[in-house]
Amino acid sequence: MTNLSVVIPVFNEAGNIGPLVHEVVQHLRGRIAFDIVCVDDQSEDDTRDVLTALKAEVPELRVVVHHRRSGQSAAVRTGVKHALSPWIVTLDGDGQNDPGDILKLLAAREAGNPQTRLYAGWRVDRKDTSSKRWASRWANRIRQWLLHDDTPDTGCGIKLFERAAFLELPYFDHMHRYLPALMQRAGWMTVSVPVSHRPRGSGQSKYTNLGRALVGIRDLMGVSWLIHRSHVTAVSEVNAGRKP
């Protein structure tokens, strides 16, 4: 069993995924046993060909392909299901997350509370357009007001979490943007860790500010409902002759 699985969802990232995979190898090989799971969500460019060629160069790489386009949350979940490790780190396929920050998240876990099941990246110096930064800032404020998840940047793609805890969470499209709130709903602690952020190497963003906002409103209402309707109950096993 490996100690860490790196899950990377990709859609039309032929120009970015190769350098990103090599960076992951550069930072992790010799430091920790790992595998990389790239999930191709029915790319329309040469992403799958690039990944196939990479497999010959990177023995840690595994490639999983969706038979139909299903979205980023589905790709993340597919990757987690195929992962070999009890702990997962996710990266966006556009290369804007720095794989060097994986070590920073691992260090935070080593120093963290055993009840913490999610270490979420926090982009303190975003390299996005001003309109995207503005939209994200307001989205985070609204989310905080509704969910109280104490997370300054829930949309950051680099996250470290326990596989078993993730697979117990309710699944829905776009759930990857609400992992801190969902983990807290399940009774686990979460921590935000400052990480770096880089400009996109090639290609273009798959989201627009308006489209993300429209979907986000509906998702926020749903997650808020889940939180208010949930109850975490502590349990213990009864031993012979003793009450818990």
C-alpha atoms as a PDB file:
ATOM      1  CA  MET A   1       0.000   0.000   0.000  1.00  0.00           C
ATOM      2  CA  THR A   2       1.236   3.464  -0.832  1.00  0.00           C
ATOM      3  CA  ASN A   3       1.294   6.248   1.764  1.00  0.00           C
ATOM      4  CA  LEU A   4      -0.208   8.938  -0.450  1.00  0.00           C
ATOM      5  CA  SER A   5      -2.355   9.028  -3.562  1.00  0.00           C
ATOM      6  CA  VAL A   6      -2.319  12.128  -5.746  1.00  0.00           C
ATOM      7  CA  VAL A   7      -5.630  12.546  -7.560  1.00  0.00           C
ATOM      8  CA  ILE A   8      -5.749  14.898 -10.564  1.00  0.00           C
ATOM      9  CA  PRO A   9      -9.011  15.440 -12.482  1.00  0.00           C
ATOM     10  CA  VAL A  10      -8.355  16.600 -16.051  1.00  0.00           C
ATOM     11  CA  PHE A  11     -10.430  17.942 -18.907  1.00  0.00           C
ATOM     12  CA  ASN A  12      -8.680  19.420 -21.981  1.00  0.00           C
ATOM     13  CA  GLU A  13      -5.339  19.926 -20.222  1.00  0.00           C
ATOM     14  CA  ALA A  14      -2.969  18.467 -22.845  1.00  0.00           C
ATOM     15  CA  GLY A  15      -0.542  21.364 -22.439  1.00  0.00           C
ATOM     16  CA  ASN A  16      -0.475  21.283 -18.632  1.00  0.00           C
ATOM     17  CA  ILE A  17      -0.773  17.728 -17.383  1.00  0.00           C
ATOM     18  CA  GLY A  18       2.664  16.484 -18.480  1.00  0.00           C
ATOM     19  CA  PRO A  19       4.700  19.140 -16.625  1.00  0.00           C
ATOM     20  CA  LEU A  20       2.376  18.810 -13.621  1.00  0.00           C
ATOM     21  CA  VAL A  21       2.871  15.040 -13.311  1.00  0.00           C
ATOM     22  CA  HIS A  22       6.640  15.426 -13.592  1.00  0.00           C
ATOM     23  CA  GLU A  23       6.584  18.084 -10.861  1.00  0.00           C
ATOM     24  CA  VAL A  24       4.674  15.743  -8.564  1.00  0.00           C
ATOM     25  CA  VAL A  25       7.296  13.052  -9.139  1.00  0.00           C
ATOM     26  CA  GLN A  26      10.102  15.538  -8.551  1.00  0.00           C
ATOM     27  CA  HIS A  27       8.739  16.572  -5.156  1.00  0.00           C
ATOM     28  CA  LEU A  28       7.560  13.172  -3.854  1.00  0.00           C
ATOM     29  CA  ARG A  29       9.842  10.461  -5.242  1.00  0.00           C
ATOM     30  CA  GLY A  30      12.310   9.355  -2.570  1.00  0.00           C
ATOM     31  CA  ARG A  31      10.337  11.116   0.178  1.00  0.00           C
ATOM     32  CA  ILE A  32       7.136   9.071   0.385  1.00  0.00           C
ATOM     33  CA  ALA A  33       5.578   6.065  -1.345  1.00  0.00           C
ATOM     34  CA  PHE A  34       2.917   7.417  -3.688  1.00  0.00           C
ATOM     35  CA  ASP A  35       0.777   6.823  -6.720  1.00  0.00           C
ATOM     36  CA  ILE A  36      -0.809   9.343  -9.095  1.00  0.00           C
ATOM     37  CA  VAL A  37      -4.336   8.843 -10.400  1.00  0.00           C
ATOM     38  CA  CYS A  38      -5.272  11.051 -13.343  1.00  0.00           C
ATOM     39  CA  VAL A  39      -8.951  10.959 -14.256  1.00  0.00           C
ATOM     40  CA  ASP A  40      -9.729  12.084 -17.795  1.00  0.00           C
ATOM     41  CA  ASP A  41     -13.279  13.448 -17.932  1.00  0.00           C
ATOM     42  CA  GLN A  42     -13.729  12.811 -21.667  1.00  0.00           C
ATOM     43  CA  SER A  43     -11.254  15.431 -22.894  1.00  0.00           C
ATOM     44  CA  GLU A  44     -11.701  16.715 -26.436  1.00  0.00           C
ATOM     45  CA  ASP A  45      -8.019  17.504 -27.014  1.00  0.00           C
ATOM     46  CA  ASP A  46      -4.904  15.268 -26.799  1.00  0.00           C
ATOM     47  CA  THR A  47      -4.990  14.913 -23.001  1.00  0.00           C
ATOM     48  CA  ARG A  48      -5.531  11.147 -23.097  1.00  0.00           C
ATOM     49  CA  ASP A  49      -2.675  10.621 -25.559  1.00  0.00           C
ATOM     50  CA  VAL A  50      -0.380  12.705 -23.354  1.00  0.00           C
ATOM     51  CA  LEU A  51      -1.359  10.642 -20.303  1.00  0.00           C
ATOM     52  CA  THR A  52      -0.825   7.377 -22.176  1.00  0.00           C
ATOM     53  CA  ALA A  53       2.687   8.477 -23.154  1.00  0.00           C
ATOM     54  CA  LEU A  54       3.402   9.595 -19.595  1.00  0.00           C
ATOM     55  CA  LYS A  55       2.657   6.111 -18.261  1.00  0.00           C
ATOM     56  CA  ALA A  56       5.783   4.835 -20.007  1.00  0.00           C
ATOM     57  CA  GLU A  57       7.885   7.459 -18.180  1.00  0.00           C
ATOM     58  CA  VAL A  58       6.198   7.516 -14.767  1.00  0.00           C
ATOM     59  CA  PRO A  59       5.551   4.095 -13.195  1.00  0.00           C
ATOM     60  CA  GLU A  60       3.597   5.687 -10.343  1.00  0.00           C
ATOM     61  CA  LEU A  61       1.009   7.031 -12.801  1.00  0.00           C
ATOM     62  CA  ARG A  62      -2.373   5.402 -13.336  1.00  0.00           C
ATOM     63  CA  VAL A  63      -4.944   6.725 -15.800  1.00  0.00           C
ATOM     64  CA  VAL A  64      -8.705   6.324 -15.431  1.00  0.00           C
ATOM     65  CA  VAL A  65     -11.098   7.482 -18.153  1.00  0.00           C
ATOM     66  CA  HIS A  66     -14.742   8.454 -17.776  1.00  0.00           C
ATOM     67  CA  HIS A  67     -16.970   6.975 -20.480  1.00  0.00           C
ATOM     68  CA  ARG A  68     -19.011  10.177 -20.477  1.00  0.00           C
ATOM     69  CA  ARG A  69     -18.297  13.671 -19.219  1.00  0.00           C
ATOM     70  CA  SER A  70     -19.352  13.879 -15.593  1.00  0.00           C
ATOM     71  CA  GLY A  71     -17.713  16.971 -14.099  1.00  0.00           C
ATOM     72  CA  GLN A  72     -14.898  17.721 -11.691  1.00  0.00           C
ATOM     73  CA  SER A  73     -16.538  16.387  -8.526  1.00  0.00           C
ATOM     74  CA  ALA A  74     -17.252  13.070 -10.225  1.00  0.00           C
ATOM     75  CA  ALA A  75     -13.646  12.915 -11.476  1.00  0.00           C
ATOM     76  CA  VAL A  76     -12.307  13.570  -7.984  1.00  0.00           C
ATOM     77  CA  ARG A  77     -14.544  10.852  -6.541  1.00  0.00           C
ATOM     78  CA  THR A  78     -13.505   8.401  -9.267  1.00  0.00           C
ATOM     79  CA  GLY A  79      -9.858   9.113  -8.491  1.00  0.00           C
ATOM     80  CA  VAL A  80     -10.379   8.622  -4.767  1.00  0.00           C
ATOM     81  CA  LYS A  81     -12.137   5.309  -5.367  1.00  0.00           C
ATOM     82  CA  HIS A  82      -9.209   4.075  -7.479  1.00  0.00           C
ATOM     83  CA  ALA A  83      -6.555   5.398  -5.080  1.00  0.00           C
ATOM     84  CA  LEU A  84      -4.251   2.973  -3.258  1.00  0.00           C
ATOM     85  CA  SER A  85      -3.574   5.077  -0.172  1.00  0.00           C
ATOM     86  CA  PRO A  86      -5.621   5.904   2.949  1.00  0.00           C
ATOM     87  CA  TRP A  87      -4.707   9.581   2.431  1.00  0.00           C
ATOM     88  CA  ILE A  88      -5.419  11.597  -0.712  1.00  0.00           C
ATOM     89  CA  VAL A  89      -4.096  14.871  -2.064  1.00  0.00           C
ATOM     90  CA  THR A  90      -5.915  16.545  -4.951  1.00  0.00           C
ATOM     91  CA  LEU A  91      -4.513  18.958  -7.536  1.00  0.00           C
ATOM     92  CA  ASP A  92      -6.257  20.862 -10.313  1.00  0.00           C
ATOM     93  CA  GLY A  93      -5.159  19.667 -13.745  1.00  0.00           C
ATOM     94  CA  ASP A  94      -4.419  23.189 -15.006  1.00  0.00           C
ATOM     95  CA  GLY A  95      -1.101  23.385 -13.121  1.00  0.00           C
ATOM     96  CA  GLN A  96      -2.068  26.404 -11.015  1.00  0.00           C
ATOM     97  CA  ASN A  97      -1.519  24.436  -7.802  1.00  0.00           C
ATOM     98  CA  ASP A  98       2.157  24.003  -6.883  1.00  0.00           C
ATOM     99  CA  PRO A  99       2.972  20.302  -6.200  1.00  0.00           C
ATOM    100  CA  GLY A 100       5.686  21.522  -3.833  1.00  0.00           C
ATOM    101  CA  ASP A 101       2.897  22.486  -1.434  1.00  0.00           C
ATOM    102  CA  ILE A 102       2.002  18.804  -1.004  1.00  0.00           C
ATOM    103  CA  LEU A 103       4.919  18.545   1.419  1.00  0.00           C
ATOM    104  CA  LYS A 104       3.579  21.566   3.308  1.00  0.00           C
ATOM    105  CA  LEU A 105       0.190  19.872   3.718  1.00  0.00           C
ATOM    106  CA  LEU A 106       1.845  16.642   4.873  1.00  0.00           C
ATOM    107  CA  ALA A 107       3.857  18.593   7.449  1.00  0.00           C
ATOM    108  CA  ALA A 108       0.648  20.211   8.711  1.00  0.00           C
ATOM    109  CA  ARG A 109      -0.908  16.766   9.084  1.00  0.00           C
ATOM    110  CA  GLU A 110       2.063  15.489  11.064  1.00  0.00           C
ATOM    111  CA  ALA A 111       1.740  18.410  13.472  1.00  0.00           C
ATOM    112  CA  GLY A 112      -2.063  18.438  13.476  1.00  0.00           C
ATOM    113  CA  ASN A 113      -4.839  17.112  15.679  1.00  0.00           C
ATOM    114  CA  PRO A 114      -5.702  13.429  15.058  1.00  0.00           C
ATOM    115  CA  GLN A 115      -9.340  14.498  14.629  1.00  0.00           C
ATOM    116  CA  THR A 116      -8.435  16.607  11.584  1.00  0.00           C
ATOM    117  CA  ARG A 117      -9.390  14.817   8.387  1.00  0.00           C
ATOM    118  CA  LEU A 118      -8.954  17.665   5.881  1.00  0.00           C
ATOM    119  CA  TYR A 119      -6.081  20.076   5.246  1.00  0.00           C
ATOM    120  CA  ALA A 120      -7.335  22.592   2.697  1.00  0.00           C
ATOM    121  CA  GLY A 121      -5.080  24.813   0.631  1.00  0.00           C
ATOM    122  CA  TRP A 122      -5.525  28.571   1.042  1.00  0.00           C
ATOM    123  CA  ARG A 123      -4.338  30.642  -1.943  1.00  0.00           C
ATOM    124  CA  VAL A 124      -2.956  33.727  -0.218  1.00  0.00           C
ATOM    125  CA  ASP A 125      -1.696  35.344  -3.440  1.00  0.00           C
ATOM    126  CA  ARG A 126      -3.994  34.320  -6.283  1.00  0.00           C
ATOM    127  CA  LYS A 127      -2.787  34.589  -9.887  1.00  0.00           C
ATOM    128  CA  ASP A 128      -6.221  34.934 -11.473  1.00  0.00           C
ATOM    129  CA  THR A 129      -7.914  37.839 -13.226  1.00  0.00           C
ATOM    130  CA  SER A 130      -9.256  40.648 -11.046  1.00  0.00           C
ATOM    131  CA  SER A 131     -12.849  39.723 -11.923  1.00  0.00           C
ATOM    132  CA  LYS A 132     -12.282  36.116 -10.890  1.00  0.00           C
ATOM    133  CA  ARG A 133     -10.658  37.162  -7.614  1.00  0.00           C
ATOM    134  CA  TRP A 134     -13.545  39.550  -6.912  1.00  0.00           C
ATOM    135  CA  ALA A 135     -16.160  36.887  -7.633  1.00  0.00           C
ATOM    136  CA  SER A 136     -14.347  34.370  -5.446  1.00  0.00           C
ATOM    137  CA  ARG A 137     -14.022  36.843  -2.585  1.00  0.00           C
ATOM    138  CA  TRP A 138     -17.771  37.522  -2.539  1.00  0.00           C
ATOM    139  CA  ALA A 139     -18.622  33.845  -2.950  1.00  0.00           C
ATOM    140  CA  ASN A 140     -16.440  33.000   0.058  1.00  0.00           C
ATOM    141  CA  ARG A 141     -18.135  35.676   2.169  1.00  0.00           C
ATOM    142  CA  ILE A 142     -21.613  34.421   1.312  1.00  0.00           C
ATOM    143  CA  ARG A 143     -20.584  30.822   1.936  1.00  0.00           C
ATOM    144  CA  GLN A 144     -19.087  31.733   5.321  1.00  0.00           C
ATOM    145  CA  TRP A 145     -22.275  33.558   6.286  1.00  0.00           C
ATOM    146  CA  LEU A 146     -24.428  30.543   5.481  1.00  0.00           C
ATOM    147  CA  LEU A 147     -22.196  27.596   6.391  1.00  0.00           C
ATOM    148  CA  HIS A 148     -19.849  28.965   9.098  1.00  0.00           C
ATOM    149  CA  ASP A 149     -17.123  26.584   7.908  1.00  0.00           C
ATOM    150  CA  ASP A 150     -14.249  28.905   8.960  1.00  0.00           C
ATOM    151  CA  THR A 151     -12.488  28.316   5.622  1.00  0.00           C
ATOM    152  CA  PRO A 152     -11.123  31.340   3.717  1.00  0.00           C
ATOM    153  CA  ASP A 153     -10.676  29.551   0.368  1.00  0.00           C
ATOM    154  CA  THR A 154     -12.849  26.487  -0.135  1.00  0.00           C
ATOM    155  CA  GLY A 155     -12.341  26.541  -3.925  1.00  0.00           C
ATOM    156  CA  CYS A 156      -8.592  25.848  -3.828  1.00  0.00           C
ATOM    157  CA  GLY A 157      -7.851  22.638  -5.707  1.00  0.00           C
ATOM    158  CA  ILE A 158      -5.019  21.364  -3.517  1.00  0.00           C
ATOM    159  CA  LYS A 159      -6.390  19.498  -0.506  1.00  0.00           C
ATOM    160  CA  LEU A 160      -5.174  16.641   1.683  1.00  0.00           C
ATOM    161  CA  PHE A 161      -7.817  14.398   3.247  1.00  0.00           C
ATOM    162  CA  GLU A 162      -8.481  10.929   4.573  1.00  0.00           C
ATOM    163  CA  ARG A 163      -9.919   8.626   1.927  1.00  0.00           C
ATOM    164  CA  ALA A 164     -12.374   6.847   4.240  1.00  0.00           C
ATOM    165  CA  ALA A 165     -13.769  10.125   5.609  1.00  0.00           C
ATOM    166  CA  PHE A 166     -14.254  11.486   2.080  1.00  0.00           C
ATOM    167  CA  LEU A 167     -16.103   8.415   0.848  1.00  0.00           C
ATOM    168  CA  GLU A 168     -18.584   8.708   3.731  1.00  0.00           C
ATOM    169  CA  LEU A 169     -19.628  12.214   2.630  1.00  0.00           C
ATOM    170  CA  PRO A 170     -22.836  12.737   0.637  1.00  0.00           C
ATOM    171  CA  TYR A 171     -22.008  12.977  -3.055  1.00  0.00           C
ATOM    172  CA  PHE A 172     -23.433  15.620  -5.395  1.00  0.00           C
ATOM    173  CA  ASP A 173     -22.144  17.599  -8.355  1.00  0.00           C
ATOM    174  CA  HIS A 174     -19.737  20.380  -7.268  1.00  0.00           C
ATOM    175  CA  MET A 175     -19.304  18.827  -3.822  1.00  0.00           C
ATOM    176  CA  HIS A 176     -15.527  19.333  -4.078  1.00  0.00           C
ATOM    177  CA  ARG A 177     -16.108  23.051  -3.368  1.00  0.00           C
ATOM    178  CA  TYR A 178     -17.755  22.289  -0.019  1.00  0.00           C
ATOM    179  CA  LEU A 179     -15.420  19.699   1.481  1.00  0.00           C
ATOM    180  CA  PRO A 180     -14.604  21.713   4.647  1.00  0.00           C
ATOM    181  CA  ALA A 181     -18.287  22.193   5.519  1.00  0.00           C
ATOM    182  CA  LEU A 182     -19.123  18.572   4.682  1.00  0.00           C
ATOM    183  CA  MET A 183     -16.203  17.227   6.741  1.00  0.00           C
ATOM    184  CA  GLN A 184     -17.249  19.391   9.691  1.00  0.00           C
ATOM    185  CA  ARG A 185     -20.825  18.185   9.290  1.00  0.00           C
ATOM    186  CA  ALA A 186     -19.497  14.625   9.640  1.00  0.00           C
ATOM    187  CA  GLY A 187     -17.829  15.540  12.939  1.00  0.00           C
ATOM    188  CA  TRP A 188     -14.237  16.009  11.750  1.00  0.00           C
ATOM    189  CA  MET A 189     -11.924  18.989  12.153  1.00  0.00           C
ATOM    190  CA  THR A 190     -10.508  20.872   9.148  1.00  0.00           C
ATOM    191  CA  VAL A 191      -7.500  23.174   8.808  1.00  0.00           C
ATOM    192  CA  SER A 192      -6.618  25.765   6.140  1.00  0.00           C
ATOM    193  CA  VAL A 193      -2.958  25.864   5.095  1.00  0.00           C
ATOM    194  CA  PRO A 194      -1.486  28.817   3.130  1.00  0.00           C
ATOM    195  CA  VAL A 195      -0.232  27.665  -0.277  1.00  0.00           C
ATOM    196  CA  SER A 196       1.097  29.303  -3.419  1.00  0.00           C
ATOM    197  CA  HIS A 197      -0.821  29.827  -6.648  1.00  0.00           C
ATOM    198  CA  ARG A 198       0.425  30.073 -10.225  1.00  0.00           C
ATOM    199  CA  PRO A 199      -0.885  31.423 -13.535  1.00  0.00           C
ATOM    200  CA  ARG A 200      -2.415  28.853 -15.882  1.00  0.00           C
ATOM    201  CA  GLY A 201       0.266  27.490 -18.217  1.00  0.00           C
ATOM    202  CA  SER A 202      -1.910  26.952 -21.285  1.00  0.00           C
ATOM    203  CA  GLY A 203      -5.546  26.520 -22.284  1.00  0.00           C
ATOM    204  CA  GLN A 204      -8.421  28.328 -20.650  1.00  0.00           C
ATOM    205  CA  SER A 205     -10.593  28.102 -17.556  1.00  0.00           C
ATOM    206  CA  LYS A 206     -13.572  25.742 -17.750  1.00  0.00           C
ATOM    207  CA  TYR A 207     -15.782  28.050 -15.668  1.00  0.00           C
ATOM    208  CA  THR A 208     -17.283  31.511 -16.018  1.00  0.00           C
ATOM    209  CA  ASN A 209     -18.039  33.777 -13.069  1.00  0.00           C
ATOM    210  CA  LEU A 210     -21.760  33.870 -13.915  1.00  0.00           C
ATOM    211  CA  GLY A 211     -22.074  30.130 -14.443  1.00  0.00           C
ATOM    212  CA  ARG A 212     -20.264  29.373 -11.211  1.00  0.00           C
ATOM    213  CA  ALA A 213     -22.437  31.861  -9.301  1.00  0.00           C
ATOM    214  CA  LEU A 214     -25.712  30.400 -10.570  1.00  0.00           C
ATOM    215  CA  VAL A 215     -24.705  26.861  -9.663  1.00  0.00           C
ATOM    216  CA  GLY A 216     -23.167  28.010  -6.381  1.00  0.00           C
ATOM    217  CA  ILE A 217     -26.401  29.533  -5.068  1.00  0.00           C
ATOM    218  CA  ARG A 218     -28.276  26.273  -5.479  1.00  0.00           C
ATOM    219  CA  ASP A 219     -25.429  24.249  -3.978  1.00  0.00           C
ATOM    220  CA  LEU A 220     -25.147  26.592  -0.999  1.00  0.00           C
ATOM    221  CA  MET A 221     -28.801  26.145  -0.197  1.00  0.00           C
ATOM    222  CA  GLY A 222     -28.448  22.380  -0.423  1.00  0.00           C
ATOM    223  CA  VAL A 223     -25.342  22.178   1.771  1.00  0.00           C
ATOM    224  CA  SER A 224     -26.922  24.533   4.301  1.00  0.00           C
ATOM    225  CA  TRP A 225     -29.959  22.228   4.443  1.00  0.00           C
ATOM    226  CA  LEU A 226     -27.718  19.182   4.948  1.00  0.00           C
ATOM    227  CA  ILE A 227     -25.888  20.842   7.829  1.00  0.00           C
ATOM    228  CA  HIS A 228     -29.051  21.899   9.623  1.00  0.00           C
ATOM    229  CA  ARG A 229     -30.607  18.442   9.206  1.00  0.00           C
ATOM    230  CA  SER A 230     -27.607  16.449  10.415  1.00  0.00           C
ATOM    231  CA  HIS A 231     -26.778  15.063  13.847  1.00  0.00           C
ATOM    232  CA  VAL A 232     -23.389  13.571  14.775  1.00  0.00           C
ATOM    233  CA  THR A 233     -23.806  10.960  17.511  1.00  0.00           C
ATOM    234  CA  ALA A 234     -20.862   9.674  19.534  1.00  0.00           C
ATOM    235  CA  VAL A 235     -20.849   5.884  19.988  1.00  0.00           C
ATOM    236  CA  SER A 236     -18.884   3.342  21.981  1.00  0.00           C
ATOM    237  CA  GLU A 237     -18.949  -0.442  22.181  1.00  0.00           C
ATOM    238  CA  VAL A 238     -20.350  -2.086  25.294  1.00  0.00           C
ATOM    239  CA  ASN A 239     -17.971  -4.407  27.135  1.00  0.00           C
ATOM    240  CA  ALA A 240     -19.208  -7.318  29.232  1.00  0.00           C
ATOM    241  CA  GLY A 241     -20.262  -6.142  32.685  1.00  0.00           C
ATOM    242  CA  ARG A 242     -19.569  -2.486  31.976  1.00  0.00           C
ATOM    243  CA  LYS A 243     -21.719   0.395  30.823  1.00  0.00           C
ATOM    244  CA  PRO A 244     -20.296   2.757  28.149  1.00  0.00           C
END
